[in-house]
Amino acid sequence: MSAPRRRRKIMAEMNVVPYIDVMLVLLVIFMVTAPIMQTGVKVDAPDVQAEPLDANNQLEPLTLSVDASGKLFLDDGTEMPADGVTAYVTSQMDAKAERPVYVRADSTVEYRYLMNAMVAVQKAGAKKIGLMADPAPSDQQ
């Protein structure tokens, strides 16, 4: 008869090194791609000294941008005509039309283009329409 075989003791430890490697790779990927994923239209908004809006609103605001030539752009940078903006904002409004809509305009845009954007949003039934501006530098008080 042969000698009895010794059984190996079962190892109950978990090797987490591969998980750490994957996590670090994902961290690097997200750090590199996050600045690239910023969307929107380049608008040089006017600098003003004003209080920031109340951030307690639970509804995500819609943002409409007006560039220096008067073209209208949605949140994601899609160019739209005024009637298309009205249809889009109407489709994004809740039942009470309480979702805020912010209009960003270039500081050099003609007033009529800004008013056309605000009228398009107003026709959509938005009740809360605001204008966005960049904060003024602290030395201009």
Protein backbone atom coordinates (compact mmCIF):
# COMPACT_ATOMS: atom_id res chain seq x y z
CA MET A 1 0.00 0.00 0.00
CA SER A 2 1.11 3.48 -0.71
CA ALA A 3 1.47 6.20 1.87
CA PRO A 4 -1.56 8.46 2.39
CA ARG A 5 -1.40 11.77 0.52
CA ARG A 6 -1.27 14.96 2.49
CA ARG A 7 -4.04 17.37 1.66
CA ARG A 8 -3.17 20.96 0.99
CA LYS A 9 -4.69 23.46 3.33
CA ILE A 10 -7.25 25.65 1.54
CA MET A 11 -6.15 29.26 1.29
CA ALA A 12 -8.93 31.63 2.40
CA GLU A 13 -7.21 34.92 1.61
CA MET A 14 -8.34 37.21 -1.17
CA ASN A 15 -5.76 38.78 -3.44
CA VAL A 16 -6.79 42.44 -3.90
CA VAL A 17 -3.77 43.58 -5.93
CA PRO A 18 -5.53 43.15 -9.31
CA TYR A 19 -8.50 45.19 -8.05
CA ILE A 20 -6.19 47.99 -6.94
CA ASP A 21 -4.50 47.97 -10.35
CA VAL A 22 -7.84 48.26 -12.14
CA MET A 23 -8.94 51.06 -9.82
CA LEU A 24 -5.77 53.06 -10.45
CA VAL A 25 -6.07 52.63 -14.22
CA LEU A 26 -9.68 53.85 -14.11
CA LEU A 27 -8.66 56.80 -11.94
CA VAL A 28 -6.06 57.86 -14.49
CA ILE A 29 -8.53 57.47 -17.36
CA PHE A 30 -11.15 59.63 -15.61
CA MET A 31 -8.57 62.26 -14.67
CA VAL A 32 -7.48 62.56 -18.29
CA THR A 33 -10.95 62.55 -19.86
CA ALA A 34 -12.81 64.79 -17.36
CA PRO A 35 -11.44 68.11 -18.71
CA ILE A 36 -12.17 67.00 -22.27
CA MET A 37 -15.83 66.28 -21.53
CA GLN A 38 -16.78 69.86 -20.69
CA THR A 39 -19.45 70.91 -23.16
CA GLY A 40 -20.96 74.21 -24.03
CA VAL A 41 -20.38 77.26 -26.11
CA LYS A 42 -17.56 79.72 -25.51
CA VAL A 43 -19.31 82.82 -24.21
CA ASP A 44 -17.56 85.79 -22.67
CA ALA A 45 -20.28 86.73 -20.16
CA PRO A 46 -20.13 90.19 -18.60
CA ASP A 47 -18.49 90.58 -15.19
CA VAL A 48 -20.88 91.86 -12.52
CA GLN A 49 -21.01 92.15 -8.75
CA ALA A 50 -24.10 90.15 -7.77
CA GLU A 51 -25.19 87.54 -5.25
CA PRO A 52 -25.29 83.93 -6.49
CA LEU A 53 -28.69 82.31 -6.97
CA ASP A 54 -30.23 80.05 -4.36
CA ALA A 55 -28.88 76.52 -4.83
CA ASN A 56 -31.71 74.88 -2.84
CA ASN A 57 -33.77 74.30 -5.97
CA GLN A 58 -34.07 70.55 -6.61
CA LEU A 59 -34.73 70.94 -10.34
CA GLU A 60 -31.76 70.94 -12.71
CA PRO A 61 -31.80 74.25 -14.62
CA LEU A 62 -31.75 74.47 -18.40
CA THR A 63 -29.07 76.73 -19.87
CA LEU A 64 -29.44 78.61 -23.14
CA SER A 65 -26.36 80.34 -24.56
CA VAL A 66 -26.22 83.26 -27.00
CA ASP A 67 -22.89 83.77 -28.71
CA ALA A 68 -21.52 87.07 -30.05
CA SER A 69 -23.19 86.58 -33.44
CA GLY A 70 -26.63 85.95 -31.88
CA LYS A 71 -26.80 82.18 -32.43
CA LEU A 72 -28.67 80.17 -29.78
CA PHE A 73 -27.18 77.03 -28.23
CA LEU A 74 -28.61 74.46 -25.80
CA ASP A 75 -26.87 72.96 -22.75
CA ASP A 76 -24.96 70.43 -24.80
CA GLY A 77 -23.72 72.95 -27.40
CA THR A 78 -26.33 72.14 -30.04
CA GLU A 79 -27.22 75.17 -32.17
CA MET A 80 -30.97 75.80 -32.47
CA PRO A 81 -33.22 78.41 -34.05
CA ALA A 82 -35.55 80.35 -31.72
CA ASP A 83 -38.61 78.23 -32.53
CA GLY A 84 -36.59 75.06 -31.92
CA VAL A 85 -35.52 76.44 -28.55
CA THR A 86 -39.16 77.08 -27.65
CA ALA A 87 -40.11 73.50 -28.56
CA TYR A 88 -37.14 72.07 -26.65
CA VAL A 89 -37.78 74.11 -23.50
CA THR A 90 -41.48 73.19 -23.64
CA SER A 91 -40.56 69.50 -23.78
CA GLN A 92 -38.19 69.87 -20.81
CA MET A 93 -40.58 71.75 -18.51
CA ASP A 94 -42.37 70.01 -15.65
CA ALA A 95 -46.15 70.29 -15.13
CA LYS A 96 -45.92 73.53 -13.13
CA ALA A 97 -43.18 75.03 -15.36
CA GLU A 98 -41.05 75.56 -12.25
CA ARG A 99 -37.79 74.40 -13.83
CA PRO A 100 -35.45 77.39 -14.04
CA VAL A 101 -33.99 78.46 -17.37
CA TYR A 102 -30.75 80.46 -17.40
CA VAL A 103 -29.68 82.53 -20.39
CA ARG A 104 -25.93 83.08 -20.88
CA ALA A 105 -24.97 85.76 -23.35
CA ASP A 106 -21.68 87.04 -24.63
CA SER A 107 -20.86 90.52 -23.31
CA THR A 108 -20.65 91.82 -26.89
CA VAL A 109 -23.97 90.38 -28.11
CA GLU A 110 -26.55 92.82 -29.42
CA TYR A 111 -29.47 93.40 -27.07
CA ARG A 112 -32.03 92.21 -29.63
CA TYR A 113 -30.45 88.74 -29.76
CA LEU A 114 -30.61 88.46 -25.98
CA MET A 115 -34.26 89.53 -26.01
CA ASN A 116 -35.07 87.03 -28.79
CA ALA A 117 -33.62 84.25 -26.62
CA MET A 118 -35.63 85.36 -23.58
CA VAL A 119 -38.85 85.60 -25.63
CA ALA A 120 -38.28 82.08 -27.02
CA VAL A 121 -37.96 80.74 -23.47
CA GLN A 122 -40.96 82.75 -22.29
CA LYS A 123 -43.10 81.36 -25.13
CA ALA A 124 -42.25 77.89 -23.85
CA GLY A 125 -44.04 78.75 -20.62
CA ALA A 126 -41.01 79.03 -18.35
CA LYS A 127 -41.77 80.99 -15.18
CA LYS A 128 -38.25 81.23 -13.82
CA ILE A 129 -35.89 82.85 -16.32
CA GLY A 130 -32.54 84.22 -15.22
CA LEU A 131 -29.49 85.82 -16.80
CA MET A 132 -26.03 84.45 -16.07
CA ALA A 133 -22.87 86.49 -15.63
CA ASP A 134 -19.30 85.88 -14.53
CA PRO A 135 -18.34 87.15 -11.08
CA ALA A 136 -16.51 90.45 -11.16
CA PRO A 137 -12.86 90.43 -10.07
CA SER A 138 -12.53 91.42 -6.43
CA ASP A 139 -10.44 94.52 -7.23
CA GLN A 140 -13.39 96.18 -9.07
CA GLN A 141 -15.62 96.86 -6.09
